[in-house]
Amino acid sequence: MQFILRAKELGFTLSEIKELLSLRVDPGTSCEDVKARAAVKIADIEEKIATLQRMRNALLRLTRACRETGGGAECPILDALDRHPRLTRKKASR
C-alpha cells in the first residue's frame, strides 16, 4: 500500500502504478526499465508545468489590462475570453 501511495504522490496514474508493480515482481526488470518510466513521467510533469506557466502568464496579462471600467462588455478579461480562442501559446510539436 505504501508503494501505491508514494507513487501517487509522485504523479503516477493508477495504470502507471500497475506497470511499476509488475516491473517490481518481474525478475528480469532492470533499473533502466524503471528509470525509463520515471523519465517519461518527468517529461509529462515538465509539460504540465509549462502549460500552467503559460496559463498563469496569460491571466497576469489579462489582469494587468483590467482597468475596472465597470464590467460586462467593457471588461478586458471577459472581452479576451469572448474574442480569443487561444490565450496561451502552445509550443510547437516536436
C-alpha atoms as a PDB file:
ATOM      1  CA  MET A   1       0.000   0.000   0.000  1.00  0.00           C
ATOM      2  CA  GLN A   2       2.882   2.354   0.807  1.00  0.00           C
ATOM      3  CA  PHE A   3       4.270   1.780  -2.701  1.00  0.00           C
ATOM      4  CA  ILE A   4       0.970   2.855  -4.296  1.00  0.00           C
ATOM      5  CA  LEU A   5       0.575   5.930  -2.102  1.00  0.00           C
ATOM      6  CA  ARG A   6       4.144   7.099  -2.722  1.00  0.00           C
ATOM      7  CA  ALA A   7       3.836   6.518  -6.471  1.00  0.00           C
ATOM      8  CA  LYS A   8       0.619   8.585  -6.497  1.00  0.00           C
ATOM      9  CA  GLU A   9       2.436  11.379  -4.627  1.00  0.00           C
ATOM     10  CA  LEU A  10       4.999  11.376  -7.426  1.00  0.00           C
ATOM     11  CA  GLY A  11       2.267  11.825 -10.021  1.00  0.00           C
ATOM     12  CA  PHE A  12       1.952   8.307 -11.386  1.00  0.00           C
ATOM     13  CA  THR A  13      -1.520   7.278 -12.532  1.00  0.00           C
ATOM     14  CA  LEU A  14      -3.078   4.040 -11.329  1.00  0.00           C
ATOM     15  CA  SER A  15      -2.329   2.485 -14.705  1.00  0.00           C
ATOM     16  CA  GLU A  16       1.325   3.526 -14.449  1.00  0.00           C
ATOM     17  CA  ILE A  17       1.482   2.231 -10.879  1.00  0.00           C
ATOM     18  CA  LYS A  18       0.174  -1.122 -12.099  1.00  0.00           C
ATOM     19  CA  GLU A  19       3.029  -1.199 -14.633  1.00  0.00           C
ATOM     20  CA  LEU A  20       5.553  -0.311 -11.937  1.00  0.00           C
ATOM     21  CA  LEU A  21       4.221  -3.049  -9.667  1.00  0.00           C
ATOM     22  CA  SER A  22       4.531  -5.570 -12.485  1.00  0.00           C
ATOM     23  CA  LEU A  23       8.128  -4.449 -13.025  1.00  0.00           C
ATOM     24  CA  ARG A  24       8.764  -4.862  -9.304  1.00  0.00           C
ATOM     25  CA  VAL A  25       7.810  -8.556  -9.358  1.00  0.00           C
ATOM     26  CA  ASP A  26       9.437  -9.354 -12.712  1.00  0.00           C
ATOM     27  CA  PRO A  27      12.894 -10.811 -12.038  1.00  0.00           C
ATOM     28  CA  GLY A  28      14.046  -9.659 -15.490  1.00  0.00           C
ATOM     29  CA  THR A  29      13.381  -5.996 -14.769  1.00  0.00           C
ATOM     30  CA  SER A  30      16.416  -3.766 -14.731  1.00  0.00           C
ATOM     31  CA  CYS A  31      16.807  -0.457 -13.019  1.00  0.00           C
ATOM     32  CA  GLU A  32      16.983   1.055 -16.524  1.00  0.00           C
ATOM     33  CA  ASP A  33      13.430  -0.175 -17.223  1.00  0.00           C
ATOM     34  CA  VAL A  34      12.146   1.672 -14.182  1.00  0.00           C
ATOM     35  CA  LYS A  35      14.326   4.705 -14.916  1.00  0.00           C
ATOM     36  CA  ALA A  36      12.806   4.929 -18.420  1.00  0.00           C
ATOM     37  CA  ARG A  37       9.305   5.059 -16.958  1.00  0.00           C
ATOM     38  CA  ALA A  38      10.406   7.721 -14.482  1.00  0.00           C
ATOM     39  CA  ALA A  39      11.912   9.773 -17.330  1.00  0.00           C
ATOM     40  CA  VAL A  40       8.598   9.664 -19.192  1.00  0.00           C
ATOM     41  CA  LYS A  41       6.828  10.870 -16.040  1.00  0.00           C
ATOM     42  CA  ILE A  42       9.352  13.691 -15.613  1.00  0.00           C
ATOM     43  CA  ALA A  43       8.703  14.854 -19.192  1.00  0.00           C
ATOM     44  CA  ASP A  44       4.958  14.731 -18.545  1.00  0.00           C
ATOM     45  CA  ILE A  45       5.336  16.798 -15.369  1.00  0.00           C
ATOM     46  CA  GLU A  46       7.559  19.350 -17.154  1.00  0.00           C
ATOM     47  CA  GLU A  47       4.942  19.763 -19.879  1.00  0.00           C
ATOM     48  CA  LYS A  48       2.231  20.295 -17.261  1.00  0.00           C
ATOM     49  CA  ILE A  49       4.394  22.901 -15.534  1.00  0.00           C
ATOM     50  CA  ALA A  50       4.958  24.699 -18.854  1.00  0.00           C
ATOM     51  CA  THR A  51       1.222  24.657 -19.549  1.00  0.00           C
ATOM     52  CA  LEU A  52       0.434  26.036 -16.097  1.00  0.00           C
ATOM     53  CA  GLN A  53       3.054  28.780 -16.555  1.00  0.00           C
ATOM     54  CA  ARG A  54       1.505  29.772 -19.907  1.00  0.00           C
ATOM     55  CA  MET A  55      -1.933  29.879 -18.277  1.00  0.00           C
ATOM     56  CA  ARG A  56      -0.582  31.969 -15.399  1.00  0.00           C
ATOM     57  CA  ASN A  57       1.154  34.407 -17.754  1.00  0.00           C
ATOM     58  CA  ALA A  58      -1.982  34.830 -19.857  1.00  0.00           C
ATOM     59  CA  LEU A  59      -4.048  35.542 -16.751  1.00  0.00           C
ATOM     60  CA  LEU A  60      -1.437  38.003 -15.482  1.00  0.00           C
ATOM     61  CA  ARG A  61      -1.551  39.865 -18.811  1.00  0.00           C
ATOM     62  CA  LEU A  62      -5.342  39.976 -18.669  1.00  0.00           C
ATOM     63  CA  THR A  63      -5.498  41.163 -15.074  1.00  0.00           C
ATOM     64  CA  ARG A  64      -2.962  43.914 -15.820  1.00  0.00           C
ATOM     65  CA  ALA A  65      -5.152  45.045 -18.719  1.00  0.00           C
ATOM     66  CA  CYS A  66      -8.180  45.287 -16.482  1.00  0.00           C
ATOM     67  CA  ARG A  67      -8.943  48.909 -15.676  1.00  0.00           C
ATOM     68  CA  GLU A  68     -12.035  48.098 -13.630  1.00  0.00           C
ATOM     69  CA  THR A  69     -14.171  50.047 -16.081  1.00  0.00           C
ATOM     70  CA  GLY A  70     -17.397  48.782 -14.621  1.00  0.00           C
ATOM     71  CA  GLY A  71     -17.892  45.363 -16.057  1.00  0.00           C
ATOM     72  CA  GLY A  72     -19.748  43.465 -18.704  1.00  0.00           C
ATOM     73  CA  ALA A  73     -18.712  44.305 -22.244  1.00  0.00           C
ATOM     74  CA  GLU A  74     -16.044  46.770 -21.063  1.00  0.00           C
ATOM     75  CA  CYS A  75     -14.069  44.209 -19.061  1.00  0.00           C
ATOM     76  CA  PRO A  76     -10.847  43.300 -20.893  1.00  0.00           C
ATOM     77  CA  ILE A  77     -10.781  39.875 -19.274  1.00  0.00           C
ATOM     78  CA  LEU A  78     -14.284  38.967 -20.424  1.00  0.00           C
ATOM     79  CA  ASP A  79     -13.584  40.534 -23.814  1.00  0.00           C
ATOM     80  CA  ALA A  80     -10.438  38.434 -24.241  1.00  0.00           C
ATOM     81  CA  LEU A  81     -12.299  35.268 -23.276  1.00  0.00           C
ATOM     82  CA  ASP A  82     -15.000  36.075 -25.805  1.00  0.00           C
ATOM     83  CA  ARG A  83     -12.734  37.016 -28.731  1.00  0.00           C
ATOM     84  CA  HIS A  84      -9.614  34.878 -28.432  1.00  0.00           C
ATOM     85  CA  PRO A  85      -9.856  31.120 -28.879  1.00  0.00           C
ATOM     86  CA  ARG A  86      -6.262  30.646 -27.607  1.00  0.00           C
ATOM     87  CA  LEU A  87      -4.991  32.929 -24.857  1.00  0.00           C
ATOM     88  CA  THR A  88      -1.799  30.966 -24.318  1.00  0.00           C
ATOM     89  CA  ARG A  89       0.757  29.992 -26.902  1.00  0.00           C
ATOM     90  CA  LYS A  90       1.385  26.281 -27.157  1.00  0.00           C
ATOM     91  CA  LYS A  91       4.924  25.373 -28.111  1.00  0.00           C
ATOM     92  CA  ALA A  92       5.458  23.758 -31.463  1.00  0.00           C
ATOM     93  CA  SER A  93       5.167  19.989 -31.674  1.00  0.00           C
ATOM     94  CA  ARG A  94       8.406  18.077 -31.635  1.00  0.00           C
END
